[in-house]
Amino acid sequence: MQNIQEQNFDYLFNLRQVNQLKQAVLALENILSDVKRNMPIDIHVIHLKEAYQSLESILGSNLQDDLINELFSKFCLGK
């Protein structure tokens, strides 16, 4: 993931999208850090949702909350 910080993102459309991608990467790095520190899985879900929302913002899509809730319910995690 460190390579993402160093990559050229000219193929993305604008600075907002680049920043959203960096936010998604940061959220995923937070998950890795939390796993190494044996943090509760509910904390991972928070970061996973942050990454998902950042990527969703890049794509310009707004998925229904039902779909998101269904995805996370399959993991039996807190919301």
PDB file of N, CA and C in Angstrom:
ATOM      1  N   MET A   1       0.815  -1.193   0.000  1.00  0.00           N
ATOM      2  CA  MET A   1       0.000   0.000   0.000  1.00  0.00           C
ATOM      3  C   MET A   1       0.859   1.258   0.000  1.00  0.00           C
ATOM      4  N   GLN A   2       2.062   1.119   0.450  1.00  0.00           N
ATOM      5  CA  GLN A   2       2.933   2.288   0.454  1.00  0.00           C
ATOM      6  C   GLN A   2       3.152   2.798  -0.965  1.00  0.00           C
ATOM      7  N   ASN A   3       3.147   1.895  -1.937  1.00  0.00           N
ATOM      8  CA  ASN A   3       3.331   2.306  -3.329  1.00  0.00           C
ATOM      9  C   ASN A   3       2.242   3.250  -3.792  1.00  0.00           C
ATOM     10  N   ILE A   4       1.040   3.128  -3.235  1.00  0.00           N
ATOM     11  CA  ILE A   4      -0.062   3.996  -3.651  1.00  0.00           C
ATOM     12  C   ILE A   4       0.270   5.445  -3.339  1.00  0.00           C
ATOM     13  N   GLN A   5       0.934   5.669  -2.223  1.00  0.00           N
ATOM     14  CA  GLN A   5       1.280   7.036  -1.852  1.00  0.00           C
ATOM     15  C   GLN A   5       2.250   7.658  -2.852  1.00  0.00           C
ATOM     16  N   GLU A   6       3.012   6.819  -3.559  1.00  0.00           N
ATOM     17  CA  GLU A   6       4.051   7.313  -4.457  1.00  0.00           C
ATOM     18  C   GLU A   6       3.629   7.296  -5.921  1.00  0.00           C
ATOM     19  N   GLN A   7       2.479   6.760  -6.235  1.00  0.00           N
ATOM     20  CA  GLN A   7       2.047   6.603  -7.620  1.00  0.00           C
ATOM     21  C   GLN A   7       1.554   7.909  -8.215  1.00  0.00           C
ATOM     22  N   ASN A   8       1.600   7.969  -9.531  1.00  0.00           N
ATOM     23  CA  ASN A   8       1.052   9.095 -10.283  1.00  0.00           C
ATOM     24  C   ASN A   8      -0.387   8.744 -10.648  1.00  0.00           C
ATOM     25  N   PHE A   9      -1.325   9.572 -10.254  1.00  0.00           N
ATOM     26  CA  PHE A   9      -2.735   9.288 -10.464  1.00  0.00           C
ATOM     27  C   PHE A   9      -3.348  10.175 -11.539  1.00  0.00           C
ATOM     28  N   ASP A  10      -2.585  10.486 -12.586  1.00  0.00           N
ATOM     29  CA  ASP A  10      -3.096  11.347 -13.651  1.00  0.00           C
ATOM     30  C   ASP A  10      -4.312  10.753 -14.352  1.00  0.00           C
ATOM     31  N   TYR A  11      -4.450   9.435 -14.303  1.00  0.00           N
ATOM     32  CA  TYR A  11      -5.572   8.798 -14.974  1.00  0.00           C
ATOM     33  C   TYR A  11      -6.881   8.998 -14.213  1.00  0.00           C
ATOM     34  N   LEU A  12      -6.810   9.418 -12.953  1.00  0.00           N
ATOM     35  CA  LEU A  12      -8.026   9.763 -12.232  1.00  0.00           C
ATOM     36  C   LEU A  12      -8.448  11.161 -12.650  1.00  0.00           C
ATOM     37  N   PHE A  13      -9.710  11.458 -12.486  1.00  0.00           N
ATOM     38  CA  PHE A  13     -10.254  12.672 -13.073  1.00  0.00           C
ATOM     39  C   PHE A  13      -9.917  13.955 -12.332  1.00  0.00           C
ATOM     40  N   ASN A  14      -9.813  13.905 -11.042  1.00  0.00           N
ATOM     41  CA  ASN A  14      -9.567  15.158 -10.331  1.00  0.00           C
ATOM     42  C   ASN A  14      -8.919  14.904  -8.969  1.00  0.00           C
ATOM     43  N   LEU A  15      -8.526  15.983  -8.346  1.00  0.00           N
ATOM     44  CA  LEU A  15      -7.835  15.908  -7.063  1.00  0.00           C
ATOM     45  C   LEU A  15      -8.717  15.292  -5.980  1.00  0.00           C
ATOM     46  N   ARG A  16     -10.016  15.557  -6.027  1.00  0.00           N
ATOM     47  CA  ARG A  16     -10.931  14.981  -5.038  1.00  0.00           C
ATOM     48  C   ARG A  16     -10.875  13.457  -5.089  1.00  0.00           C
ATOM     49  N   GLN A  17     -10.842  12.894  -6.301  1.00  0.00           N
ATOM     50  CA  GLN A  17     -10.796  11.446  -6.430  1.00  0.00           C
ATOM     51  C   GLN A  17      -9.477  10.882  -5.907  1.00  0.00           C
ATOM     52  N   VAL A  18      -8.390  11.579  -6.180  1.00  0.00           N
ATOM     53  CA  VAL A  18      -7.091  11.147  -5.660  1.00  0.00           C
ATOM     54  C   VAL A  18      -7.124  11.153  -4.138  1.00  0.00           C
ATOM     55  N   ASN A  19      -7.674  12.198  -3.558  1.00  0.00           N
ATOM     56  CA  ASN A  19      -7.763  12.277  -2.097  1.00  0.00           C
ATOM     57  C   ASN A  19      -8.660  11.190  -1.532  1.00  0.00           C
ATOM     58  N   GLN A  20      -9.752  10.870  -2.224  1.00  0.00           N
ATOM     59  CA  GLN A  20     -10.638   9.800  -1.763  1.00  0.00           C
ATOM     60  C   GLN A  20      -9.917   8.454  -1.806  1.00  0.00           C
ATOM     61  N   LEU A  21      -9.121   8.232  -2.853  1.00  0.00           N
ATOM     62  CA  LEU A  21      -8.361   6.988  -2.942  1.00  0.00           C
ATOM     63  C   LEU A  21      -7.354   6.897  -1.797  1.00  0.00           C
ATOM     64  N   LYS A  22      -6.696   7.990  -1.507  1.00  0.00           N
ATOM     65  CA  LYS A  22      -5.744   7.996  -0.394  1.00  0.00           C
ATOM     66  C   LYS A  22      -6.449   7.748   0.937  1.00  0.00           C
ATOM     67  N   GLN A  23      -7.666   8.275   1.088  1.00  0.00           N
ATOM     68  CA  GLN A  23      -8.443   8.025   2.311  1.00  0.00           C
ATOM     69  C   GLN A  23      -8.800   6.544   2.421  1.00  0.00           C
ATOM     70  N   ALA A  24      -9.150   5.926   1.293  1.00  0.00           N
ATOM     71  CA  ALA A  24      -9.474   4.498   1.300  1.00  0.00           C
ATOM     72  C   ALA A  24      -8.254   3.679   1.700  1.00  0.00           C
ATOM     73  N   VAL A  25      -7.112   4.022   1.148  1.00  0.00           N
ATOM     74  CA  VAL A  25      -5.875   3.315   1.486  1.00  0.00           C
ATOM     75  C   VAL A  25      -5.550   3.486   2.965  1.00  0.00           C
ATOM     76  N   LEU A  26      -5.705   4.686   3.476  1.00  0.00           N
ATOM     77  CA  LEU A  26      -5.447   4.945   4.894  1.00  0.00           C
ATOM     78  C   LEU A  26      -6.367   4.098   5.775  1.00  0.00           C
ATOM     79  N   ALA A  27      -7.630   4.016   5.404  1.00  0.00           N
ATOM     80  CA  ALA A  27      -8.578   3.210   6.180  1.00  0.00           C
ATOM     81  C   ALA A  27      -8.172   1.739   6.166  1.00  0.00           C
ATOM     82  N   LEU A  28      -7.725   1.238   5.011  1.00  0.00           N
ATOM     83  CA  LEU A  28      -7.290  -0.158   4.926  1.00  0.00           C
ATOM     84  C   LEU A  28      -6.004  -0.382   5.722  1.00  0.00           C
ATOM     85  N   GLU A  29      -5.115   0.586   5.700  1.00  0.00           N
ATOM     86  CA  GLU A  29      -3.905   0.488   6.521  1.00  0.00           C
ATOM     87  C   GLU A  29      -4.260   0.485   8.005  1.00  0.00           C
ATOM     88  N   ASN A  30      -5.283   1.237   8.377  1.00  0.00           N
ATOM     89  CA  ASN A  30      -5.739   1.238   9.770  1.00  0.00           C
ATOM     90  C   ASN A  30      -6.244  -0.139  10.178  1.00  0.00           C
ATOM     91  N   ILE A  31      -6.913  -0.820   9.252  1.00  0.00           N
ATOM     92  CA  ILE A  31      -7.379  -2.180   9.548  1.00  0.00           C
ATOM     93  C   ILE A  31      -6.182  -3.079   9.828  1.00  0.00           C
ATOM     94  N   LEU A  32      -5.177  -3.020   8.964  1.00  0.00           N
ATOM     95  CA  LEU A  32      -3.985  -3.856   9.164  1.00  0.00           C
ATOM     96  C   LEU A  32      -3.318  -3.560  10.503  1.00  0.00           C
ATOM     97  N   SER A  33      -3.221  -2.294  10.830  1.00  0.00           N
ATOM     98  CA  SER A  33      -2.622  -1.897  12.102  1.00  0.00           C
ATOM     99  C   SER A  33      -3.439  -2.418  13.279  1.00  0.00           C
ATOM    100  N   ASP A  34      -4.754  -2.292  13.178  1.00  0.00           N
ATOM    101  CA  ASP A  34      -5.629  -2.751  14.259  1.00  0.00           C
ATOM    102  C   ASP A  34      -5.580  -4.268  14.418  1.00  0.00           C
ATOM    103  N   VAL A  35      -5.453  -4.990  13.301  1.00  0.00           N
ATOM    104  CA  VAL A  35      -5.347  -6.450  13.374  1.00  0.00           C
ATOM    105  C   VAL A  35      -4.077  -6.831  14.131  1.00  0.00           C
ATOM    106  N   LYS A  36      -2.984  -6.155  13.813  1.00  0.00           N
ATOM    107  CA  LYS A  36      -1.713  -6.444  14.492  1.00  0.00           C
ATOM    108  C   LYS A  36      -1.790  -6.148  15.984  1.00  0.00           C
ATOM    109  N   ARG A  37      -2.636  -5.195  16.368  1.00  0.00           N
ATOM    110  CA  ARG A  37      -2.781  -4.831  17.785  1.00  0.00           C
ATOM    111  C   ARG A  37      -3.919  -5.591  18.461  1.00  0.00           C
ATOM    112  N   ASN A  38      -4.491  -6.575  17.743  1.00  0.00           N
ATOM    113  CA  ASN A  38      -5.580  -7.400  18.287  1.00  0.00           C
ATOM    114  C   ASN A  38      -6.777  -6.576  18.739  1.00  0.00           C
ATOM    115  N   MET A  39      -7.102  -5.545  17.979  1.00  0.00           N
ATOM    116  CA  MET A  39      -8.268  -4.715  18.287  1.00  0.00           C
ATOM    117  C   MET A  39      -9.543  -5.507  17.983  1.00  0.00           C
ATOM    118  N   PRO A  40     -10.658  -5.158  18.624  1.00  0.00           N
ATOM    119  CA  PRO A  40     -11.928  -5.851  18.361  1.00  0.00           C
ATOM    120  C   PRO A  40     -12.345  -5.710  16.895  1.00  0.00           C
ATOM    121  N   ILE A  41     -13.018  -6.709  16.406  1.00  0.00           N
ATOM    122  CA  ILE A  41     -13.408  -6.735  14.998  1.00  0.00           C
ATOM    123  C   ILE A  41     -14.352  -5.584  14.639  1.00  0.00           C
ATOM    124  N   ASP A  42     -15.102  -5.095  15.602  1.00  0.00           N
ATOM    125  CA  ASP A  42     -15.995  -3.964  15.329  1.00  0.00           C
ATOM    126  C   ASP A  42     -15.219  -2.737  14.865  1.00  0.00           C
ATOM    127  N   ILE A  43     -14.002  -2.589  15.345  1.00  0.00           N
ATOM    128  CA  ILE A  43     -13.156  -1.473  14.915  1.00  0.00           C
ATOM    129  C   ILE A  43     -12.797  -1.641  13.441  1.00  0.00           C
ATOM    130  N   HIS A  44     -12.548  -2.888  13.027  1.00  0.00           N
ATOM    131  CA  HIS A  44     -12.224  -3.147  11.616  1.00  0.00           C
ATOM    132  C   HIS A  44     -13.384  -2.731  10.718  1.00  0.00           C
ATOM    133  N   VAL A  45     -14.582  -2.988  11.182  1.00  0.00           N
ATOM    134  CA  VAL A  45     -15.773  -2.655  10.394  1.00  0.00           C
ATOM    135  C   VAL A  45     -15.856  -1.149  10.159  1.00  0.00           C
ATOM    136  N   ILE A  46     -15.532  -0.377  11.157  1.00  0.00           N
ATOM    137  CA  ILE A  46     -15.565   1.084  11.009  1.00  0.00           C
ATOM    138  C   ILE A  46     -14.625   1.516   9.895  1.00  0.00           C
ATOM    139  N   HIS A  47     -13.400   0.991   9.920  1.00  0.00           N
ATOM    140  CA  HIS A  47     -12.429   1.362   8.891  1.00  0.00           C
ATOM    141  C   HIS A  47     -12.829   0.816   7.521  1.00  0.00           C
ATOM    142  N   LEU A  48     -13.413  -0.376   7.504  1.00  0.00           N
ATOM    143  CA  LEU A  48     -13.853  -0.957   6.237  1.00  0.00           C
ATOM    144  C   LEU A  48     -14.952  -0.111   5.607  1.00  0.00           C
ATOM    145  N   LYS A  49     -15.869   0.373   6.425  1.00  0.00           N
ATOM    146  CA  LYS A  49     -16.921   1.250   5.909  1.00  0.00           C
ATOM    147  C   LYS A  49     -16.339   2.562   5.392  1.00  0.00           C
ATOM    148  N   GLU A  50     -15.326   3.085   6.081  1.00  0.00           N
ATOM    149  CA  GLU A  50     -14.678   4.314   5.617  1.00  0.00           C
ATOM    150  C   GLU A  50     -14.051   4.100   4.241  1.00  0.00           C
ATOM    151  N   ALA A  51     -13.353   2.984   4.072  1.00  0.00           N
ATOM    152  CA  ALA A  51     -12.728   2.679   2.780  1.00  0.00           C
ATOM    153  C   ALA A  51     -13.795   2.522   1.702  1.00  0.00           C
ATOM    154  N   TYR A  52     -14.855   1.815   2.041  1.00  0.00           N
ATOM    155  CA  TYR A  52     -15.949   1.587   1.096  1.00  0.00           C
ATOM    156  C   TYR A  52     -16.573   2.911   0.656  1.00  0.00           C
ATOM    157  N   GLN A  53     -16.823   3.787   1.604  1.00  0.00           N
ATOM    158  CA  GLN A  53     -17.445   5.074   1.275  1.00  0.00           C
ATOM    159  C   GLN A  53     -16.524   5.941   0.423  1.00  0.00           C
ATOM    160  N   SER A  54     -15.235   5.884   0.685  1.00  0.00           N
ATOM    161  CA  SER A  54     -14.289   6.652  -0.133  1.00  0.00           C
ATOM    162  C   SER A  54     -14.269   6.136  -1.563  1.00  0.00           C
ATOM    163  N   LEU A  55     -14.234   4.818  -1.719  1.00  0.00           N
ATOM    164  CA  LEU A  55     -14.232   4.239  -3.064  1.00  0.00           C
ATOM    165  C   LEU A  55     -15.561   4.487  -3.769  1.00  0.00           C
ATOM    166  N   GLU A  56     -16.637   4.409  -3.023  1.00  0.00           N
ATOM    167  CA  GLU A  56     -17.959   4.683  -3.582  1.00  0.00           C
ATOM    168  C   GLU A  56     -18.028   6.122  -4.088  1.00  0.00           C
ATOM    169  N   SER A  57     -17.407   7.027  -3.379  1.00  0.00           N
ATOM    170  CA  SER A  57     -17.389   8.428  -3.782  1.00  0.00           C
ATOM    171  C   SER A  57     -16.656   8.612  -5.107  1.00  0.00           C
ATOM    172  N   ILE A  58     -15.591   7.856  -5.311  1.00  0.00           N
ATOM    173  CA  ILE A  58     -14.853   7.927  -6.576  1.00  0.00           C
ATOM    174  C   ILE A  58     -15.725   7.442  -7.724  1.00  0.00           C
ATOM    175  N   LEU A  59     -16.439   6.358  -7.485  1.00  0.00           N
ATOM    176  CA  LEU A  59     -17.269   5.767  -8.535  1.00  0.00           C
ATOM    177  C   LEU A  59     -18.535   6.568  -8.791  1.00  0.00           C
ATOM    178  N   GLY A  60     -18.886   7.417  -7.843  1.00  0.00           N
ATOM    179  CA  GLY A  60     -20.086   8.225  -8.001  1.00  0.00           C
ATOM    180  C   GLY A  60     -21.363   7.438  -7.821  1.00  0.00           C
ATOM    181  N   SER A  61     -21.259   6.303  -7.176  1.00  0.00           N
ATOM    182  CA  SER A  61     -22.451   5.483  -6.971  1.00  0.00           C
ATOM    183  C   SER A  61     -22.917   5.606  -5.532  1.00  0.00           C
ATOM    184  N   ASN A  62     -24.196   5.460  -5.348  1.00  0.00           N
ATOM    185  CA  ASN A  62     -24.780   5.483  -4.009  1.00  0.00           C
ATOM    186  C   ASN A  62     -25.590   4.213  -3.828  1.00  0.00           C
ATOM    187  N   LEU A  63     -24.965   3.216  -3.244  1.00  0.00           N
ATOM    188  CA  LEU A  63     -25.665   1.965  -3.026  1.00  0.00           C
ATOM    189  C   LEU A  63     -26.624   2.118  -1.857  1.00  0.00           C
ATOM    190  N   GLN A  64     -27.686   1.388  -1.918  1.00  0.00           N
ATOM    191  CA  GLN A  64     -28.695   1.448  -0.877  1.00  0.00           C
ATOM    192  C   GLN A  64     -28.132   0.922   0.439  1.00  0.00           C
ATOM    193  N   ASP A  65     -28.605   1.486   1.544  1.00  0.00           N
ATOM    194  CA  ASP A  65     -28.173   1.033   2.867  1.00  0.00           C
ATOM    195  C   ASP A  65     -28.487  -0.439   3.077  1.00  0.00           C
ATOM    196  N   ASP A  66     -29.562  -0.924   2.454  1.00  0.00           N
ATOM    197  CA  ASP A  66     -29.924  -2.333   2.602  1.00  0.00           C
ATOM    198  C   ASP A  66     -28.803  -3.238   2.097  1.00  0.00           C
ATOM    199  N   LEU A  67     -28.198  -2.868   0.975  1.00  0.00           N
ATOM    200  CA  LEU A  67     -27.115  -3.667   0.424  1.00  0.00           C
ATOM    201  C   LEU A  67     -25.908  -3.647   1.354  1.00  0.00           C
ATOM    202  N   ILE A  68     -25.588  -2.491   1.877  1.00  0.00           N
ATOM    203  CA  ILE A  68     -24.463  -2.375   2.813  1.00  0.00           C
ATOM    204  C   ILE A  68     -24.748  -3.179   4.074  1.00  0.00           C
ATOM    205  N   ASN A  69     -25.951  -3.046   4.601  1.00  0.00           N
ATOM    206  CA  ASN A  69     -26.320  -3.796   5.805  1.00  0.00           C
ATOM    207  C   ASN A  69     -26.273  -5.295   5.556  1.00  0.00           C
ATOM    208  N   GLU A  70     -26.704  -5.721   4.373  1.00  0.00           N
ATOM    209  CA  GLU A  70     -26.666  -7.146   4.046  1.00  0.00           C
ATOM    210  C   GLU A  70     -25.226  -7.648   4.003  1.00  0.00           C
ATOM    211  N   LEU A  71     -24.354  -6.879   3.398  1.00  0.00           N
ATOM    212  CA  LEU A  71     -22.946  -7.262   3.321  1.00  0.00           C
ATOM    213  C   LEU A  71     -22.353  -7.444   4.710  1.00  0.00           C
ATOM    214  N   PHE A  72     -22.554  -6.464   5.586  1.00  0.00           N
ATOM    215  CA  PHE A  72     -21.960  -6.540   6.911  1.00  0.00           C
ATOM    216  C   PHE A  72     -22.678  -7.544   7.815  1.00  0.00           C
ATOM    217  N   SER A  73     -23.943  -7.834   7.555  1.00  0.00           N
ATOM    218  CA  SER A  73     -24.648  -8.811   8.384  1.00  0.00           C
ATOM    219  C   SER A  73     -24.108 -10.216   8.156  1.00  0.00           C
ATOM    220  N   LYS A  74     -23.565 -10.471   6.980  1.00  0.00           N
ATOM    221  CA  LYS A  74     -23.008 -11.794   6.694  1.00  0.00           C
ATOM    222  C   LYS A  74     -21.761 -12.071   7.530  1.00  0.00           C
ATOM    223  N   PHE A  75     -21.133 -11.019   8.035  1.00  0.00           N
ATOM    224  CA  PHE A  75     -19.957 -11.183   8.875  1.00  0.00           C
ATOM    225  C   PHE A  75     -20.323 -11.249  10.355  1.00  0.00           C
ATOM    226  N   CYS A  76     -21.610 -11.083  10.668  1.00  0.00           N
ATOM    227  CA  CYS A  76     -22.099 -11.106  12.048  1.00  0.00           C
ATOM    228  C   CYS A  76     -21.343 -10.105  12.918  1.00  0.00           C
ATOM    229  N   LEU A  77     -21.151  -8.915  12.393  1.00  0.00           N
ATOM    230  CA  LEU A  77     -20.420  -7.873  13.106  1.00  0.00           C
ATOM    231  C   LEU A  77     -21.379  -6.805  13.574  1.00  0.00           C
ATOM    232  N   GLY A  78     -20.967  -6.052  14.568  1.00  0.00           N
ATOM    233  CA  GLY A  78     -21.772  -4.919  15.009  1.00  0.00           C
ATOM    234  C   GLY A  78     -21.794  -3.841  13.953  1.00  0.00           C
ATOM    235  N   LYS A  79     -22.835  -3.031  13.985  1.00  0.00           N
ATOM    236  CA  LYS A  79     -22.970  -1.961  12.982  1.00  0.00           C
ATOM    237  C   LYS A  79     -22.836  -0.623  13.645  1.00  0.00           C
TER     238      LYS A  79
END
